[in-house]
Amino acid sequence: MMSFGSWDEDEGDEESRQYSLDRDEAFALTVAQYRKQYEANRKAKVGEMIACPICGKKMPKRTYHHSFCSTRHKDKYWNRVDEERRFRALLFC
C-alpha cells in the first residue's frame, strides 16, 4: 500500500514516479522564477515598472518595499518560497 509522500518498491510504475519527479522539478523551477522576479523588484527604484512575481501584473513601484500587486499574492509568494511556511500552509488547507 502506498502512503502519502513515499513509494513502496512493489507499487507505482516508472511513469508515475517520473510524473512525480517532473512535478517537483517544475515546482522548483517556478519557485526559482518567483525568487528571481522578487529580487528584481526589490532592486528596482521607486517609480520604475515592476511585475508581480505571482501573476506577472505590471505596475509602477510606489514605495521602496513594494514588490507585489496585492497582499494576497505576497502571502502566496512567501507560503511557496519559505519551506517552513509552506509546511504550515499545507496543514491549514
C-alpha atoms as a PDB file:
ATOM      1  CA  MET A   1       0.000   0.000   0.000  1.00  0.00           C
ATOM      2  CA  MET A   2       1.266   3.468  -0.857  1.00  0.00           C
ATOM      3  CA  SER A   3       1.433   6.096   1.875  1.00  0.00           C
ATOM      4  CA  PHE A   4       1.420   9.860   1.393  1.00  0.00           C
ATOM      5  CA  GLY A   5       4.740  11.181   0.145  1.00  0.00           C
ATOM      6  CA  SER A   6       6.548   7.865  -0.227  1.00  0.00           C
ATOM      7  CA  TRP A   7       6.779   4.948  -2.614  1.00  0.00           C
ATOM      8  CA  ASP A   8       6.734   1.261  -1.830  1.00  0.00           C
ATOM      9  CA  GLU A   9       9.013  -0.729  -4.065  1.00  0.00           C
ATOM     10  CA  ASP A  10       6.256  -3.034  -5.297  1.00  0.00           C
ATOM     11  CA  GLU A  11       3.737  -0.277  -6.124  1.00  0.00           C
ATOM     12  CA  GLY A  12       3.753   2.525  -8.650  1.00  0.00           C
ATOM     13  CA  ASP A  13       5.144   2.233 -12.121  1.00  0.00           C
ATOM     14  CA  GLU A  14       8.051   4.161 -13.597  1.00  0.00           C
ATOM     15  CA  GLU A  15       5.715   6.582 -15.408  1.00  0.00           C
ATOM     16  CA  SER A  16       4.051   7.616 -12.129  1.00  0.00           C
ATOM     17  CA  ARG A  17       7.416   8.121 -10.482  1.00  0.00           C
ATOM     18  CA  GLN A  18       8.601  10.210 -13.423  1.00  0.00           C
ATOM     19  CA  TYR A  19       5.436  12.338 -13.206  1.00  0.00           C
ATOM     20  CA  SER A  20       6.134  12.972  -9.538  1.00  0.00           C
ATOM     21  CA  LEU A  21       9.725  13.991 -10.293  1.00  0.00           C
ATOM     22  CA  ASP A  22       8.610  16.215 -13.179  1.00  0.00           C
ATOM     23  CA  ARG A  23       6.041  17.924 -10.948  1.00  0.00           C
ATOM     24  CA  ASP A  24       8.642  18.504  -8.216  1.00  0.00           C
ATOM     25  CA  GLU A  25      11.152  19.850 -10.731  1.00  0.00           C
ATOM     26  CA  ALA A  26       8.512  22.151 -12.209  1.00  0.00           C
ATOM     27  CA  PHE A  27       7.673  23.439  -8.726  1.00  0.00           C
ATOM     28  CA  ALA A  28      11.363  24.084  -8.022  1.00  0.00           C
ATOM     29  CA  LEU A  29      11.705  25.995 -11.302  1.00  0.00           C
ATOM     30  CA  THR A  30       8.595  28.040 -10.533  1.00  0.00           C
ATOM     31  CA  VAL A  31       9.916  28.941  -7.076  1.00  0.00           C
ATOM     32  CA  ALA A  32      13.234  29.948  -8.658  1.00  0.00           C
ATOM     33  CA  GLN A  33      11.372  32.209 -11.106  1.00  0.00           C
ATOM     34  CA  TYR A  34       9.367  33.744  -8.244  1.00  0.00           C
ATOM     35  CA  ARG A  35      12.585  34.481  -6.344  1.00  0.00           C
ATOM     36  CA  LYS A  36      14.263  35.961  -9.411  1.00  0.00           C
ATOM     37  CA  GLN A  37      11.347  38.346 -10.053  1.00  0.00           C
ATOM     38  CA  TYR A  38      11.107  39.246  -6.359  1.00  0.00           C
ATOM     39  CA  GLU A  39      14.820  40.141  -6.258  1.00  0.00           C
ATOM     40  CA  ALA A  40      14.443  42.236  -9.423  1.00  0.00           C
ATOM     41  CA  ASN A  41      11.503  44.048  -7.819  1.00  0.00           C
ATOM     42  CA  ARG A  42      13.483  44.700  -4.632  1.00  0.00           C
ATOM     43  CA  LYS A  43      16.365  46.199  -6.651  1.00  0.00           C
ATOM     44  CA  ALA A  44      14.086  48.434  -8.772  1.00  0.00           C
ATOM     45  CA  LYS A  45      13.901  52.122  -7.899  1.00  0.00           C
ATOM     46  CA  VAL A  46      10.646  53.815  -6.857  1.00  0.00           C
ATOM     47  CA  GLY A  47       8.738  54.809  -9.999  1.00  0.00           C
ATOM     48  CA  GLU A  48      10.148  52.025 -12.195  1.00  0.00           C
ATOM     49  CA  MET A  49       7.848  49.367 -13.634  1.00  0.00           C
ATOM     50  CA  ILE A  50       7.875  46.039 -11.776  1.00  0.00           C
ATOM     51  CA  ALA A  51       5.983  42.764 -12.275  1.00  0.00           C
ATOM     52  CA  CYS A  52       4.243  40.785  -9.549  1.00  0.00           C
ATOM     53  CA  PRO A  53       6.195  37.529  -9.031  1.00  0.00           C
ATOM     54  CA  ILE A  54       2.944  35.519  -8.768  1.00  0.00           C
ATOM     55  CA  CYS A  55       0.717  36.824 -11.582  1.00  0.00           C
ATOM     56  CA  GLY A  56       3.087  38.958 -13.666  1.00  0.00           C
ATOM     57  CA  LYS A  57       0.907  42.079 -13.444  1.00  0.00           C
ATOM     58  CA  LYS A  58       2.941  45.182 -14.365  1.00  0.00           C
ATOM     59  CA  MET A  59       2.774  48.220 -12.088  1.00  0.00           C
ATOM     60  CA  PRO A  60       4.935  51.158 -11.067  1.00  0.00           C
ATOM     61  CA  LYS A  61       6.852  50.668  -7.830  1.00  0.00           C
ATOM     62  CA  ARG A  62       5.162  53.027  -5.343  1.00  0.00           C
ATOM     63  CA  THR A  63       7.451  52.655  -2.311  1.00  0.00           C
ATOM     64  CA  TYR A  64      10.880  51.195  -1.670  1.00  0.00           C
ATOM     65  CA  HIS A  65       9.420  47.930  -0.284  1.00  0.00           C
ATOM     66  CA  HIS A  66       6.639  47.471  -2.893  1.00  0.00           C
ATOM     67  CA  SER A  67       7.131  44.110  -4.671  1.00  0.00           C
ATOM     68  CA  PHE A  68       3.658  42.538  -5.142  1.00  0.00           C
ATOM     69  CA  CYS A  69       0.349  43.623  -6.655  1.00  0.00           C
ATOM     70  CA  SER A  70      -1.618  42.575  -3.561  1.00  0.00           C
ATOM     71  CA  THR A  71      -1.291  41.270  -0.026  1.00  0.00           C
ATOM     72  CA  ARG A  72      -2.835  38.001  -1.193  1.00  0.00           C
ATOM     73  CA  HIS A  73      -0.018  37.482  -3.709  1.00  0.00           C
ATOM     74  CA  LYS A  74       2.591  38.473  -1.120  1.00  0.00           C
ATOM     75  CA  ASP A  75       1.276  35.788   1.221  1.00  0.00           C
ATOM     76  CA  LYS A  76       1.089  33.244  -1.614  1.00  0.00           C
ATOM     77  CA  TYR A  77       4.721  34.004  -2.535  1.00  0.00           C
ATOM     78  CA  TRP A  78       6.046  33.526   0.989  1.00  0.00           C
ATOM     79  CA  ASN A  79       3.947  30.373   1.524  1.00  0.00           C
ATOM     80  CA  ARG A  80       5.509  28.856  -1.594  1.00  0.00           C
ATOM     81  CA  VAL A  81       9.090  30.056  -1.216  1.00  0.00           C
ATOM     82  CA  ASP A  82       9.697  29.559   2.514  1.00  0.00           C
ATOM     83  CA  GLU A  83       9.795  25.841   3.317  1.00  0.00           C
ATOM     84  CA  GLU A  84       8.603  26.276   6.914  1.00  0.00           C
ATOM     85  CA  ARG A  85       5.658  28.441   5.859  1.00  0.00           C
ATOM     86  CA  ARG A  86       4.837  26.037   3.016  1.00  0.00           C
ATOM     87  CA  PHE A  87       4.528  23.223   5.550  1.00  0.00           C
ATOM     88  CA  ARG A  88       2.286  25.312   7.832  1.00  0.00           C
ATOM     89  CA  ALA A  89       0.138  26.415   4.887  1.00  0.00           C
ATOM     90  CA  LEU A  90      -0.420  22.775   3.905  1.00  0.00           C
ATOM     91  CA  LEU A  91      -1.651  22.000   7.414  1.00  0.00           C
ATOM     92  CA  PHE A  92      -4.433  24.556   7.085  1.00  0.00           C
ATOM     93  CA  CYS A  93      -5.609  23.657   3.555  1.00  0.00           C
END
